[in-house]
Structure formats: structure tokens, C-alpha cells
Amino acid sequence: MTLTDRANLILRTEHAEVVRRALSPELAENIPRTRVKVTGGKDEIVIEIDADGLAALRAALNSYIRWSNVAEETAKEVGRA
């Protein structure tokens, strides 16, 4: 497989570690025609997506953005409790 399309997301949040941990099970799943790497620092998450085609890239981006958002919102709510 030749991965030809790439996107890098950089998310800044005080809940970066929690969000990275929440995304880790998804990294074990194999999204067809994509490769995903999640790294980052104290207040930053870097999501690198390589895909074979724009459709696969868009699908992976949508998934990781949605999962990141859910993890972030959950971390905020837990912090308020």
C-alpha cells in the first residue's frame, strides 16, 4: 500500500494526556488504508494520519476529531465534578 495523502492535527488542551490515553485503543484498530500516530507533550496532542486517498484520509480525520472531542468534553465534565 502506498500512502499518498497526509494530515497533521495539533490540538492544545490542558487534558492532553487524558485525550491521548482515550485515543490509544483506537490506534490498535486498523482503519482501512490508513496509518495513524498520536504523540504530543504536556498540553498538546499531535495526530498524524497517512492515507491511501482523500476519502480514507477524510474518514480517519473525522473519526479522530470526533473521538478527541468526546474525550476532551468528558475530561472537562469529570474535572467539574
Protein backbone atom coordinates (compact mmCIF):
# COMPACT_ATOMS: atom_id res chain seq x y z
CA MET A 1 0.00 0.00 0.00
CA THR A 2 1.32 3.43 -0.93
CA LEU A 3 0.06 6.09 1.44
CA THR A 4 -0.21 9.30 -0.55
CA ASP A 5 -2.28 11.78 1.48
CA ARG A 6 -1.36 13.18 4.87
CA ALA A 7 -2.87 15.35 7.59
CA ASN A 8 -1.39 16.50 10.89
CA LEU A 9 -3.68 17.72 13.65
CA ILE A 10 -2.27 19.66 16.57
CA LEU A 11 -4.66 20.02 19.50
CA ARG A 12 -3.81 22.15 22.51
CA THR A 13 -5.62 21.30 25.73
CA GLU A 14 -4.94 21.03 29.43
CA HIS A 15 -6.37 17.49 29.15
CA ALA A 16 -3.85 16.30 26.55
CA GLU A 17 -2.68 13.24 28.48
CA VAL A 18 -6.25 12.08 29.13
CA VAL A 19 -7.23 12.54 25.48
CA ARG A 20 -4.11 10.69 24.25
CA ARG A 21 -4.90 7.78 26.56
CA ALA A 22 -8.51 7.76 25.38
CA LEU A 23 -7.35 7.56 21.76
CA SER A 24 -4.87 4.73 22.37
CA PRO A 25 -7.40 1.86 21.94
CA GLU A 26 -8.33 3.29 18.54
CA LEU A 27 -4.69 3.08 17.45
CA ALA A 28 -4.88 -0.69 17.86
CA GLU A 29 -7.79 -0.79 15.41
CA ASN A 30 -6.93 -0.83 11.76
CA ILE A 31 -8.79 1.85 9.81
CA PRO A 32 -8.66 0.66 6.20
CA ARG A 33 -5.99 2.30 4.02
CA THR A 34 -4.62 4.50 6.83
CA ARG A 35 -1.80 4.73 9.34
CA VAL A 36 -2.21 6.90 12.44
CA LYS A 37 0.31 8.05 15.02
CA VAL A 38 -0.58 10.00 18.18
CA THR A 39 2.12 11.85 20.12
CA GLY A 40 2.44 15.12 21.99
CA GLY A 41 3.59 16.93 25.06
CA LYS A 42 2.13 18.26 28.29
CA ASP A 43 -0.61 20.42 26.76
CA GLU A 44 -0.51 19.20 23.17
CA ILE A 45 -1.73 16.26 21.09
CA VAL A 46 -0.30 15.60 17.64
CA ILE A 47 -2.28 13.25 15.42
CA GLU A 48 -0.53 12.25 12.19
CA ILE A 49 -2.64 10.48 9.59
CA ASP A 50 -1.32 8.97 6.37
CA ALA A 51 -3.89 7.56 3.97
CA ASP A 52 -4.27 5.97 0.59
CA GLY A 53 -6.64 8.52 -0.95
CA LEU A 54 -8.61 11.51 0.18
CA ALA A 55 -11.70 9.51 1.11
CA ALA A 56 -9.72 7.37 3.57
CA LEU A 57 -7.98 10.48 4.94
CA ARG A 58 -11.29 12.28 5.44
CA ALA A 59 -12.82 9.28 7.20
CA ALA A 60 -9.87 8.94 9.57
CA LEU A 61 -9.79 12.69 10.26
CA ASN A 62 -13.50 12.75 11.06
CA SER A 63 -13.13 9.79 13.41
CA TYR A 64 -10.13 11.15 15.32
CA ILE A 65 -11.60 14.64 15.60
CA ARG A 66 -14.85 13.20 16.96
CA TRP A 67 -13.10 10.85 19.41
CA SER A 68 -10.81 13.65 20.60
CA ASN A 69 -13.76 15.93 21.15
CA VAL A 70 -15.66 13.32 23.16
CA ALA A 71 -12.59 12.62 25.32
CA GLU A 72 -11.99 16.35 25.88
CA GLU A 73 -15.60 17.06 26.83
CA THR A 74 -15.66 14.05 29.18
CA ALA A 75 -12.43 15.19 30.87
CA LYS A 76 -13.90 18.67 31.37
CA GLU A 77 -17.08 17.26 32.93
CA VAL A 78 -15.15 14.92 35.23
CA GLY A 79 -12.99 17.87 36.30
CA ARG A 80 -16.11 19.82 37.29
CA ALA A 81 -17.49 17.01 39.46
